Amino acid sequence: MLWLVANDMLYFKVDDKTRRYYEDQWLEPFRYEKKDKQMTMSYYRATEKALEDGKIIIIWVEKSFSATLVAASDKKK
């Protein structure tokens, strides 16, 4: 899964290699509650600027696709 939408926000898949890119922009990961526990997933929120700029969104989609391929490869091992 490349991205997810929750509460009208778009989140992109990240991995150890791409997570820093999002954290450097002060973006938050997707979080939810499960049995009174805060759970964090490996998806980070997209910025308004990325959503409005086709060049930026392409970069984000490529990073997300790369992270998804790595995750799928790790599952096969």
N, C-alpha and C. Protein backbone atom coordinates (compact mmCIF):
# COMPACT_ATOMS: atom_id res chain seq x y z
N MET A 1 0.85 -1.16 0.00
CA MET A 1 0.00 0.00 0.00
C MET A 1 0.90 1.24 0.00
N LEU A 2 0.77 2.08 -0.99
CA LEU A 2 1.62 3.26 -1.15
C LEU A 2 1.25 4.40 -0.21
N TRP A 3 -0.04 4.55 0.05
CA TRP A 3 -0.50 5.65 0.89
C TRP A 3 -1.81 5.27 1.53
N LEU A 4 -2.23 6.09 2.47
CA LEU A 4 -3.54 5.91 3.07
C LEU A 4 -4.17 7.28 3.29
N VAL A 5 -5.49 7.29 3.37
CA VAL A 5 -6.23 8.51 3.64
C VAL A 5 -7.02 8.26 4.91
N ALA A 6 -6.86 9.18 5.87
CA ALA A 6 -7.60 9.09 7.13
C ALA A 6 -7.91 10.51 7.60
N ASN A 7 -9.13 10.71 8.03
CA ASN A 7 -9.55 12.03 8.52
C ASN A 7 -9.23 13.13 7.51
N ASP A 8 -9.49 12.84 6.25
CA ASP A 8 -9.27 13.81 5.16
C ASP A 8 -7.81 14.22 5.00
N MET A 9 -6.89 13.37 5.42
CA MET A 9 -5.46 13.64 5.25
C MET A 9 -4.81 12.49 4.50
N LEU A 10 -3.84 12.84 3.65
CA LEU A 10 -3.11 11.85 2.86
C LEU A 10 -1.78 11.56 3.55
N TYR A 11 -1.47 10.27 3.69
CA TYR A 11 -0.23 9.82 4.30
C TYR A 11 0.51 8.92 3.31
N PHE A 12 1.83 9.11 3.20
CA PHE A 12 2.66 8.31 2.30
C PHE A 12 3.46 7.27 3.08
N LYS A 13 3.64 6.10 2.49
CA LYS A 13 4.44 5.03 3.07
C LYS A 13 5.89 5.47 3.17
N VAL A 14 6.54 5.17 4.30
CA VAL A 14 7.95 5.48 4.49
C VAL A 14 8.68 4.23 4.97
N ASP A 15 9.99 4.26 4.86
CA ASP A 15 10.82 3.22 5.44
C ASP A 15 11.99 3.89 6.14
N ASP A 16 12.95 3.12 6.61
CA ASP A 16 14.09 3.70 7.32
C ASP A 16 14.87 4.68 6.45
N LYS A 17 14.91 4.42 5.16
CA LYS A 17 15.66 5.28 4.23
C LYS A 17 14.94 6.60 3.94
N THR A 18 13.62 6.60 3.88
CA THR A 18 12.86 7.79 3.48
C THR A 18 12.23 8.55 4.65
N ARG A 19 12.17 7.94 5.83
CA ARG A 19 11.51 8.56 6.99
C ARG A 19 12.12 9.93 7.32
N ARG A 20 13.43 10.05 7.23
CA ARG A 20 14.12 11.30 7.59
C ARG A 20 13.63 12.49 6.75
N TYR A 21 13.34 12.21 5.48
CA TYR A 21 12.84 13.25 4.58
C TYR A 21 11.59 13.92 5.15
N TYR A 22 10.70 13.12 5.71
CA TYR A 22 9.46 13.64 6.28
C TYR A 22 9.69 14.28 7.65
N GLU A 23 10.51 13.64 8.46
CA GLU A 23 10.79 14.19 9.78
C GLU A 23 11.51 15.54 9.69
N ASP A 24 12.37 15.71 8.70
CA ASP A 24 13.06 16.99 8.51
C ASP A 24 12.10 18.12 8.19
N GLN A 25 10.91 17.78 7.72
CA GLN A 25 9.88 18.78 7.42
C GLN A 25 8.85 18.88 8.54
N TRP A 26 9.15 18.29 9.68
CA TRP A 26 8.30 18.33 10.87
C TRP A 26 6.94 17.69 10.63
N LEU A 27 6.89 16.67 9.78
CA LEU A 27 5.63 15.99 9.50
C LEU A 27 5.43 14.85 10.49
N GLU A 28 4.18 14.55 10.74
CA GLU A 28 3.81 13.54 11.73
C GLU A 28 3.45 12.22 11.07
N PRO A 29 3.75 11.10 11.74
CA PRO A 29 3.30 9.81 11.23
C PRO A 29 1.82 9.61 11.52
N PHE A 30 1.22 8.66 10.84
CA PHE A 30 -0.17 8.31 11.08
C PHE A 30 -0.24 7.54 12.41
N ARG A 31 -1.15 7.98 13.28
CA ARG A 31 -1.34 7.34 14.58
C ARG A 31 -2.82 7.04 14.78
N TYR A 32 -3.08 5.98 15.52
CA TYR A 32 -4.45 5.64 15.88
C TYR A 32 -4.44 4.93 17.22
N GLU A 33 -5.61 4.83 17.82
CA GLU A 33 -5.72 4.15 19.11
C GLU A 33 -6.28 2.75 18.93
N LYS A 34 -5.70 1.83 19.67
CA LYS A 34 -6.16 0.44 19.65
C LYS A 34 -6.11 -0.06 21.10
N LYS A 35 -7.26 -0.36 21.63
CA LYS A 35 -7.36 -0.83 23.02
C LYS A 35 -6.61 0.10 23.97
N ASP A 36 -6.90 1.38 23.87
CA ASP A 36 -6.32 2.41 24.72
C ASP A 36 -4.81 2.56 24.58
N LYS A 37 -4.25 2.07 23.46
CA LYS A 37 -2.83 2.23 23.18
C LYS A 37 -2.67 3.08 21.93
N GLN A 38 -1.70 3.95 21.93
CA GLN A 38 -1.39 4.76 20.75
C GLN A 38 -0.52 3.94 19.81
N MET A 39 -1.00 3.72 18.60
CA MET A 39 -0.27 2.94 17.60
C MET A 39 0.25 3.89 16.51
N THR A 40 1.45 3.65 16.03
CA THR A 40 2.04 4.46 14.97
C THR A 40 2.35 3.56 13.79
N MET A 41 1.97 4.02 12.60
CA MET A 41 2.25 3.27 11.38
C MET A 41 3.33 3.97 10.57
N SER A 42 3.88 3.28 9.61
CA SER A 42 4.98 3.84 8.80
C SER A 42 4.43 4.62 7.59
N TYR A 43 3.55 5.57 7.90
CA TYR A 43 2.98 6.48 6.91
C TYR A 43 3.07 7.90 7.48
N TYR A 44 3.55 8.84 6.66
CA TYR A 44 3.68 10.22 7.10
C TYR A 44 2.79 11.14 6.28
N ARG A 45 2.28 12.16 6.94
CA ARG A 45 1.33 13.09 6.35
C ARG A 45 1.96 13.91 5.22
N ALA A 46 1.20 14.11 4.18
CA ALA A 46 1.63 14.95 3.05
C ALA A 46 1.38 16.41 3.39
N THR A 47 2.20 17.28 2.86
CA THR A 47 2.01 18.72 3.06
C THR A 47 1.06 19.27 2.01
N GLU A 48 0.48 20.42 2.30
CA GLU A 48 -0.37 21.10 1.32
C GLU A 48 0.45 21.46 0.08
N LYS A 49 1.69 21.86 0.29
CA LYS A 49 2.55 22.24 -0.83
C LYS A 49 2.75 21.06 -1.78
N ALA A 50 2.95 19.87 -1.23
CA ALA A 50 3.14 18.68 -2.06
C ALA A 50 1.88 18.36 -2.86
N LEU A 51 0.73 18.56 -2.22
CA LEU A 51 -0.53 18.26 -2.88
C LEU A 51 -0.84 19.25 -3.99
N GLU A 52 -0.28 20.44 -3.91
CA GLU A 52 -0.56 21.48 -4.90
C GLU A 52 0.47 21.56 -6.01
N ASP A 53 1.62 20.94 -5.83
CA ASP A 53 2.72 21.03 -6.79
C ASP A 53 2.98 19.66 -7.40
N GLY A 54 2.70 19.52 -8.69
CA GLY A 54 2.86 18.25 -9.38
C GLY A 54 4.27 17.69 -9.33
N LYS A 55 5.28 18.56 -9.38
CA LYS A 55 6.66 18.09 -9.32
C LYS A 55 7.00 17.50 -7.96
N ILE A 56 6.52 18.15 -6.92
CA ILE A 56 6.79 17.65 -5.57
C ILE A 56 6.05 16.35 -5.32
N ILE A 57 4.79 16.28 -5.72
CA ILE A 57 4.01 15.07 -5.46
C ILE A 57 4.62 13.86 -6.17
N ILE A 58 5.21 14.06 -7.32
CA ILE A 58 5.88 12.95 -8.03
C ILE A 58 7.04 12.42 -7.20
N ILE A 59 7.81 13.31 -6.61
CA ILE A 59 8.92 12.89 -5.75
C ILE A 59 8.40 12.08 -4.57
N TRP A 60 7.33 12.56 -3.96
CA TRP A 60 6.76 11.87 -2.80
C TRP A 60 6.22 10.49 -3.19
N VAL A 61 5.57 10.40 -4.33
CA VAL A 61 5.04 9.11 -4.79
C VAL A 61 6.19 8.15 -5.07
N GLU A 62 7.26 8.63 -5.68
CA GLU A 62 8.42 7.78 -5.95
C GLU A 62 9.04 7.27 -4.65
N LYS A 63 9.17 8.12 -3.66
CA LYS A 63 9.72 7.71 -2.36
C LYS A 63 8.80 6.67 -1.71
N SER A 64 7.51 6.90 -1.79
CA SER A 64 6.54 5.98 -1.22
C SER A 64 6.58 4.62 -1.93
N PHE A 65 6.68 4.66 -3.24
CA PHE A 65 6.75 3.42 -4.03
C PHE A 65 8.00 2.63 -3.65
N SER A 66 9.12 3.32 -3.51
CA SER A 66 10.37 2.67 -3.11
C SER A 66 10.22 2.02 -1.73
N ALA A 67 9.63 2.73 -0.78
CA ALA A 67 9.43 2.18 0.56
C ALA A 67 8.51 0.96 0.53
N THR A 68 7.50 1.01 -0.31
CA THR A 68 6.56 -0.11 -0.44
C THR A 68 7.26 -1.34 -1.01
N LEU A 69 8.11 -1.14 -2.01
CA LEU A 69 8.87 -2.25 -2.59
C LEU A 69 9.81 -2.88 -1.57
N VAL A 70 10.47 -2.06 -0.78
CA VAL A 70 11.37 -2.57 0.26
C VAL A 70 10.58 -3.38 1.28
N ALA A 71 9.44 -2.86 1.70
CA ALA A 71 8.61 -3.58 2.69
C ALA A 71 8.13 -4.92 2.13
N ALA A 72 7.73 -4.93 0.87
CA ALA A 72 7.27 -6.18 0.24
C ALA A 72 8.42 -7.18 0.12
N SER A 73 9.59 -6.70 -0.20
CA SER A 73 10.77 -7.56 -0.32
C SER A 73 11.14 -8.15 1.04
N ASP A 74 11.06 -7.34 2.09
CA ASP A 74 11.37 -7.82 3.44
C ASP A 74 10.39 -8.88 3.89
N LYS A 75 9.12 -8.76 3.50
CA LYS A 75 8.11 -9.75 3.87
C LYS A 75 8.39 -11.11 3.22
N LYS A 76 8.91 -11.09 1.99
CA LYS A 76 9.20 -12.32 1.27
C LYS A 76 10.35 -13.09 1.90
N LYS A 77 11.27 -12.35 2.54
CA LYS A 77 12.44 -12.99 3.19
C LYS A 77 11.98 -13.65 4.43
